[in-house]
Amino acid sequence: MNNQFGRPGRLYRDLNRAMISGVCAGVARQISVDPLWVRGAAVAGVIFAPMVVLPGYALAVVLVPKA
C-alpha cells in the first residue's frame, strides 16, 4: 500500500482481519496479498524453523502498532 508519495506506508497490525493478533493480516495488507498466503507462510515457518519464527512473531506483536 503506497502513501501519497509513492512509498510504502507503515506496517500496522490489522485487527479487523486478525486471527490471533493481526500481524499476518497487517503484513498481507502491506504487501497487497490475501492474508491466507501470509498465514500459510507463517505456519510453514513454524513447522520448519520454529526457533526463528516464533520469537519473530512475538516481537512483531509487541513492536508493530495496532491499526
PDB file of N, CA and C in Angstrom:
ATOM      1  N   MET A   1       0.839  -1.176   0.000  1.00  0.00           N
ATOM      2  CA  MET A   1       0.000   0.000   0.000  1.00  0.00           C
ATOM      3  C   MET A   1       0.884   1.239   0.000  1.00  0.00           C
ATOM      4  N   ASN A   2       0.733   2.082  -0.960  1.00  0.00           N
ATOM      5  CA  ASN A   2       1.572   3.259  -1.071  1.00  0.00           C
ATOM      6  C   ASN A   2       0.846   4.480  -0.520  1.00  0.00           C
ATOM      7  N   ASN A   3       1.634   5.371   0.065  1.00  0.00           N
ATOM      8  CA  ASN A   3       1.056   6.623   0.524  1.00  0.00           C
ATOM      9  C   ASN A   3       1.076   7.632  -0.615  1.00  0.00           C
ATOM     10  N   GLN A   4       0.810   8.887  -0.328  1.00  0.00           N
ATOM     11  CA  GLN A   4       0.694   9.902  -1.371  1.00  0.00           C
ATOM     12  C   GLN A   4       2.015  10.169  -2.093  1.00  0.00           C
ATOM     13  N   PHE A   5       3.138   9.761  -1.512  1.00  0.00           N
ATOM     14  CA  PHE A   5       4.438   9.994  -2.126  1.00  0.00           C
ATOM     15  C   PHE A   5       4.950   8.780  -2.893  1.00  0.00           C
ATOM     16  N   GLY A   6       4.149   7.694  -2.989  1.00  0.00           N
ATOM     17  CA  GLY A   6       4.545   6.527  -3.732  1.00  0.00           C
ATOM     18  C   GLY A   6       5.401   5.542  -2.955  1.00  0.00           C
ATOM     19  N   ARG A   7       5.675   5.857  -1.679  1.00  0.00           N
ATOM     20  CA  ARG A   7       6.469   4.958  -0.852  1.00  0.00           C
ATOM     21  C   ARG A   7       5.533   4.094  -0.022  1.00  0.00           C
ATOM     22  N   PRO A   8       5.980   2.908   0.348  1.00  0.00           N
ATOM     23  CA  PRO A   8       5.137   2.052   1.182  1.00  0.00           C
ATOM     24  C   PRO A   8       4.818   2.736   2.508  1.00  0.00           C
ATOM     25  N   GLY A   9       3.605   2.509   2.987  1.00  0.00           N
ATOM     26  CA  GLY A   9       3.198   3.075   4.271  1.00  0.00           C
ATOM     27  C   GLY A   9       3.748   2.263   5.429  1.00  0.00           C
ATOM     28  N   ARG A  10       3.360   2.644   6.614  1.00  0.00           N
ATOM     29  CA  ARG A  10       3.812   1.950   7.812  1.00  0.00           C
ATOM     30  C   ARG A  10       3.109   0.628   7.981  1.00  0.00           C
ATOM     31  N   LEU A  11       3.766  -0.296   8.637  1.00  0.00           N
ATOM     32  CA  LEU A  11       3.189  -1.596   8.949  1.00  0.00           C
ATOM     33  C   LEU A  11       2.385  -1.484  10.233  1.00  0.00           C
ATOM     34  N   TYR A  12       1.143  -1.913  10.175  1.00  0.00           N
ATOM     35  CA  TYR A  12       0.265  -1.944  11.333  1.00  0.00           C
ATOM     36  C   TYR A  12      -0.338  -3.333  11.474  1.00  0.00           C
ATOM     37  N   ARG A  13      -0.701  -3.706  12.696  1.00  0.00           N
ATOM     38  CA  ARG A  13      -1.433  -4.953  12.905  1.00  0.00           C
ATOM     39  C   ARG A  13      -2.888  -4.692  12.536  1.00  0.00           C
ATOM     40  N   ASP A  14      -3.426  -5.481  11.633  1.00  0.00           N
ATOM     41  CA  ASP A  14      -4.795  -5.317  11.152  1.00  0.00           C
ATOM     42  C   ASP A  14      -5.728  -6.136  12.036  1.00  0.00           C
ATOM     43  N   LEU A  15      -6.351  -5.491  12.999  1.00  0.00           N
ATOM     44  CA  LEU A  15      -7.198  -6.199  13.955  1.00  0.00           C
ATOM     45  C   LEU A  15      -8.555  -6.574  13.375  1.00  0.00           C
ATOM     46  N   ASN A  16      -8.954  -5.946  12.262  1.00  0.00           N
ATOM     47  CA  ASN A  16     -10.234  -6.282  11.645  1.00  0.00           C
ATOM     48  C   ASN A  16     -10.201  -7.641  10.965  1.00  0.00           C
ATOM     49  N   ARG A  17      -9.034  -8.028  10.420  1.00  0.00           N
ATOM     50  CA  ARG A  17      -8.904  -9.315   9.741  1.00  0.00           C
ATOM     51  C   ARG A  17      -8.010 -10.270  10.531  1.00  0.00           C
ATOM     52  N   ALA A  18      -7.831 -10.012  11.811  1.00  0.00           N
ATOM     53  CA  ALA A  18      -6.910 -10.795  12.641  1.00  0.00           C
ATOM     54  C   ALA A  18      -7.482 -12.160  12.989  1.00  0.00           C
ATOM     55  N   MET A  19      -6.599 -13.145  13.048  1.00  0.00           N
ATOM     56  CA  MET A  19      -6.957 -14.462  13.577  1.00  0.00           C
ATOM     57  C   MET A  19      -6.409 -14.586  15.000  1.00  0.00           C
ATOM     58  N   ILE A  20      -5.178 -14.140  15.214  1.00  0.00           N
ATOM     59  CA  ILE A  20      -4.573 -14.180  16.545  1.00  0.00           C
ATOM     60  C   ILE A  20      -4.325 -12.754  17.031  1.00  0.00           C
ATOM     61  N   SER A  21      -3.374 -12.077  16.412  1.00  0.00           N
ATOM     62  CA  SER A  21      -3.062 -10.717  16.851  1.00  0.00           C
ATOM     63  C   SER A  21      -3.030  -9.699  15.724  1.00  0.00           C
ATOM     64  N   GLY A  22      -3.203 -10.142  14.488  1.00  0.00           N
ATOM     65  CA  GLY A  22      -3.256  -9.225  13.368  1.00  0.00           C
ATOM     66  C   GLY A  22      -1.937  -8.989  12.655  1.00  0.00           C
ATOM     67  N   VAL A  23      -0.872  -9.679  13.067  1.00  0.00           N
ATOM     68  CA  VAL A  23       0.430  -9.472  12.438  1.00  0.00           C
ATOM     69  C   VAL A  23       0.399  -9.938  10.979  1.00  0.00           C
ATOM     70  N   CYS A  24      -0.057 -11.144  10.740  1.00  0.00           N
ATOM     71  CA  CYS A  24      -0.100 -11.671   9.367  1.00  0.00           C
ATOM     72  C   CYS A  24      -1.048 -10.853   8.497  1.00  0.00           C
ATOM     73  N   ALA A  25      -2.171 -10.437   9.042  1.00  0.00           N
ATOM     74  CA  ALA A  25      -3.108  -9.620   8.277  1.00  0.00           C
ATOM     75  C   ALA A  25      -2.494  -8.263   7.941  1.00  0.00           C
ATOM     76  N   GLY A  26      -1.735  -7.702   8.861  1.00  0.00           N
ATOM     77  CA  GLY A  26      -1.064  -6.430   8.600  1.00  0.00           C
ATOM     78  C   GLY A  26       0.012  -6.556   7.537  1.00  0.00           C
ATOM     79  N   VAL A  27       0.780  -7.642   7.598  1.00  0.00           N
ATOM     80  CA  VAL A  27       1.803  -7.879   6.578  1.00  0.00           C
ATOM     81  C   VAL A  27       1.132  -8.077   5.225  1.00  0.00           C
ATOM     82  N   ALA A  28       0.036  -8.821   5.202  1.00  0.00           N
ATOM     83  CA  ALA A  28      -0.686  -9.057   3.947  1.00  0.00           C
ATOM     84  C   ALA A  28      -1.205  -7.746   3.365  1.00  0.00           C
ATOM     85  N   ARG A  29      -1.722  -6.880   4.201  1.00  0.00           N
ATOM     86  CA  ARG A  29      -2.196  -5.577   3.734  1.00  0.00           C
ATOM     87  C   ARG A  29      -1.034  -4.753   3.193  1.00  0.00           C
ATOM     88  N   GLN A  30       0.094  -4.831   3.855  1.00  0.00           N
ATOM     89  CA  GLN A  30       1.268  -4.061   3.443  1.00  0.00           C
ATOM     90  C   GLN A  30       1.787  -4.490   2.076  1.00  0.00           C
ATOM     91  N   ILE A  31       1.767  -5.794   1.796  1.00  0.00           N
ATOM     92  CA  ILE A  31       2.303  -6.275   0.520  1.00  0.00           C
ATOM     93  C   ILE A  31       1.201  -6.584  -0.493  1.00  0.00           C
ATOM     94  N   SER A  32      -0.039  -6.263  -0.149  1.00  0.00           N
ATOM     95  CA  SER A  32      -1.195  -6.385  -1.049  1.00  0.00           C
ATOM     96  C   SER A  32      -1.441  -7.811  -1.527  1.00  0.00           C
ATOM     97  N   VAL A  33      -1.484  -8.744  -0.584  1.00  0.00           N
ATOM     98  CA  VAL A  33      -1.848 -10.125  -0.893  1.00  0.00           C
ATOM     99  C   VAL A  33      -2.930 -10.566   0.080  1.00  0.00           C
ATOM    100  N   ASP A  34      -3.554 -11.696  -0.211  1.00  0.00           N
ATOM    101  CA  ASP A  34      -4.565 -12.250   0.675  1.00  0.00           C
ATOM    102  C   ASP A  34      -3.896 -12.730   1.965  1.00  0.00           C
ATOM    103  N   PRO A  35      -4.493 -12.456   3.127  1.00  0.00           N
ATOM    104  CA  PRO A  35      -3.899 -12.891   4.391  1.00  0.00           C
ATOM    105  C   PRO A  35      -3.679 -14.399   4.486  1.00  0.00           C
ATOM    106  N   LEU A  36      -4.457 -15.171   3.744  1.00  0.00           N
ATOM    107  CA  LEU A  36      -4.288 -16.620   3.768  1.00  0.00           C
ATOM    108  C   LEU A  36      -2.880 -17.027   3.336  1.00  0.00           C
ATOM    109  N   TRP A  37      -2.308 -16.352   2.352  1.00  0.00           N
ATOM    110  CA  TRP A  37      -0.955 -16.666   1.896  1.00  0.00           C
ATOM    111  C   TRP A  37       0.075 -16.373   2.981  1.00  0.00           C
ATOM    112  N   VAL A  38      -0.069 -15.258   3.651  1.00  0.00           N
ATOM    113  CA  VAL A  38       0.886 -14.892   4.706  1.00  0.00           C
ATOM    114  C   VAL A  38       0.740 -15.839   5.893  1.00  0.00           C
ATOM    115  N   ARG A  39      -0.489 -16.185   6.238  1.00  0.00           N
ATOM    116  CA  ARG A  39      -0.698 -17.134   7.334  1.00  0.00           C
ATOM    117  C   ARG A  39      -0.135 -18.503   6.995  1.00  0.00           C
ATOM    118  N   GLY A  40      -0.302 -18.934   5.747  1.00  0.00           N
ATOM    119  CA  GLY A  40       0.275 -20.211   5.318  1.00  0.00           C
ATOM    120  C   GLY A  40       1.789 -20.201   5.409  1.00  0.00           C
ATOM    121  N   ALA A  41       2.408 -19.096   5.016  1.00  0.00           N
ATOM    122  CA  ALA A  41       3.863 -18.976   5.125  1.00  0.00           C
ATOM    123  C   ALA A  41       4.295 -18.974   6.589  1.00  0.00           C
ATOM    124  N   ALA A  42       3.505 -18.354   7.454  1.00  0.00           N
ATOM    125  CA  ALA A  42       3.829 -18.343   8.881  1.00  0.00           C
ATOM    126  C   ALA A  42       3.733 -19.741   9.471  1.00  0.00           C
ATOM    127  N   VAL A  43       2.716 -20.490   9.100  1.00  0.00           N
ATOM    128  CA  VAL A  43       2.568 -21.865   9.588  1.00  0.00           C
ATOM    129  C   VAL A  43       3.727 -22.719   9.087  1.00  0.00           C
ATOM    130  N   ALA A  44       4.080 -22.574   7.821  1.00  0.00           N
ATOM    131  CA  ALA A  44       5.221 -23.319   7.283  1.00  0.00           C
ATOM    132  C   ALA A  44       6.504 -22.945   8.018  1.00  0.00           C
ATOM    133  N   GLY A  45       6.655 -21.679   8.333  1.00  0.00           N
ATOM    134  CA  GLY A  45       7.820 -21.239   9.093  1.00  0.00           C
ATOM    135  C   GLY A  45       7.865 -21.827  10.484  1.00  0.00           C
ATOM    136  N   VAL A  46       6.708 -21.928  11.125  1.00  0.00           N
ATOM    137  CA  VAL A  46       6.652 -22.528  12.461  1.00  0.00           C
ATOM    138  C   VAL A  46       7.003 -24.009  12.393  1.00  0.00           C
ATOM    139  N   ILE A  47       6.603 -24.680  11.336  1.00  0.00           N
ATOM    140  CA  ILE A  47       6.907 -26.112  11.194  1.00  0.00           C
ATOM    141  C   ILE A  47       8.395 -26.329  10.926  1.00  0.00           C
ATOM    142  N   PHE A  48       8.975 -25.539  10.016  1.00  0.00           N
ATOM    143  CA  PHE A  48      10.351 -25.780   9.580  1.00  0.00           C
ATOM    144  C   PHE A  48      11.407 -24.982  10.341  1.00  0.00           C
ATOM    145  N   ALA A  49      11.065 -23.868  10.943  1.00  0.00           N
ATOM    146  CA  ALA A  49      12.041 -23.048  11.669  1.00  0.00           C
ATOM    147  C   ALA A  49      11.389 -22.373  12.873  1.00  0.00           C
ATOM    148  N   PRO A  50      10.878 -23.155  13.819  1.00  0.00           N
ATOM    149  CA  PRO A  50      10.142 -22.541  14.933  1.00  0.00           C
ATOM    150  C   PRO A  50      10.998 -21.647  15.827  1.00  0.00           C
ATOM    151  N   MET A  51      12.279 -21.916  15.927  1.00  0.00           N
ATOM    152  CA  MET A  51      13.135 -21.111  16.794  1.00  0.00           C
ATOM    153  C   MET A  51      13.404 -19.717  16.219  1.00  0.00           C
ATOM    154  N   VAL A  52      13.081 -19.517  14.961  1.00  0.00           N
ATOM    155  CA  VAL A  52      13.229 -18.206  14.332  1.00  0.00           C
ATOM    156  C   VAL A  52      11.877 -17.510  14.239  1.00  0.00           C
ATOM    157  N   VAL A  53      10.870 -18.234  13.799  1.00  0.00           N
ATOM    158  CA  VAL A  53       9.571 -17.633  13.505  1.00  0.00           C
ATOM    159  C   VAL A  53       8.813 -17.257  14.781  1.00  0.00           C
ATOM    160  N   LEU A  54       8.792 -18.118  15.772  1.00  0.00           N
ATOM    161  CA  LEU A  54       8.016 -17.817  16.985  1.00  0.00           C
ATOM    162  C   LEU A  54       8.533 -16.587  17.734  1.00  0.00           C
ATOM    163  N   PRO A  55       9.849 -16.459  17.965  1.00  0.00           N
ATOM    164  CA  PRO A  55      10.315 -15.204  18.585  1.00  0.00           C
ATOM    165  C   PRO A  55      10.081 -13.982  17.695  1.00  0.00           C
ATOM    166  N   GLY A  56      10.209 -14.161  16.377  1.00  0.00           N
ATOM    167  CA  GLY A  56       9.953 -13.043  15.464  1.00  0.00           C
ATOM    168  C   GLY A  56       8.507 -12.596  15.509  1.00  0.00           C
ATOM    169  N   TYR A  57       7.600 -13.556  15.566  1.00  0.00           N
ATOM    170  CA  TYR A  57       6.178 -13.230  15.655  1.00  0.00           C
ATOM    171  C   TYR A  57       5.877 -12.528  16.985  1.00  0.00           C
ATOM    172  N   ALA A  58       6.459 -13.047  18.067  1.00  0.00           N
ATOM    173  CA  ALA A  58       6.246 -12.430  19.379  1.00  0.00           C
ATOM    174  C   ALA A  58       6.765 -10.991  19.398  1.00  0.00           C
ATOM    175  N   LEU A  59       7.922 -10.765  18.787  1.00  0.00           N
ATOM    176  CA  LEU A  59       8.445  -9.395  18.700  1.00  0.00           C
ATOM    177  C   LEU A  59       7.531  -8.504  17.873  1.00  0.00           C
ATOM    178  N   ALA A  60       7.001  -9.044  16.786  1.00  0.00           N
ATOM    179  CA  ALA A  60       6.098  -8.252  15.948  1.00  0.00           C
ATOM    180  C   ALA A  60       4.829  -7.877  16.705  1.00  0.00           C
ATOM    181  N   VAL A  61       4.321  -8.796  17.530  1.00  0.00           N
ATOM    182  CA  VAL A  61       3.122  -8.494  18.315  1.00  0.00           C
ATOM    183  C   VAL A  61       3.394  -7.324  19.265  1.00  0.00           C
ATOM    184  N   VAL A  62       4.593  -7.295  19.821  1.00  0.00           N
ATOM    185  CA  VAL A  62       4.935  -6.240  20.777  1.00  0.00           C
ATOM    186  C   VAL A  62       5.283  -4.936  20.078  1.00  0.00           C
ATOM    187  N   LEU A  63       6.043  -5.013  18.973  1.00  0.00           N
ATOM    188  CA  LEU A  63       6.600  -3.793  18.367  1.00  0.00           C
ATOM    189  C   LEU A  63       5.719  -3.149  17.300  1.00  0.00           C
ATOM    190  N   VAL A  64       4.930  -3.927  16.573  1.00  0.00           N
ATOM    191  CA  VAL A  64       4.112  -3.361  15.493  1.00  0.00           C
ATOM    192  C   VAL A  64       2.836  -2.769  16.110  1.00  0.00           C
ATOM    193  N   PRO A  65       2.561  -1.506  15.849  1.00  0.00           N
ATOM    194  CA  PRO A  65       1.383  -0.872  16.456  1.00  0.00           C
ATOM    195  C   PRO A  65       0.081  -1.365  15.848  1.00  0.00           C
ATOM    196  N   LYS A  66      -0.988  -1.235  16.620  1.00  0.00           N
ATOM    197  CA  LYS A  66      -2.330  -1.584  16.123  1.00  0.00           C
ATOM    198  C   LYS A  66      -2.782  -0.539  15.120  1.00  0.00           C
ATOM    199  N   ALA A  67      -3.589  -0.975  14.155  1.00  0.00           N
ATOM    200  CA  ALA A  67      -4.101  -0.047  13.141  1.00  0.00           C
ATOM    201  C   ALA A  67      -5.164   0.841  13.736  1.00  0.00           C
TER     202      ALA A  67
END
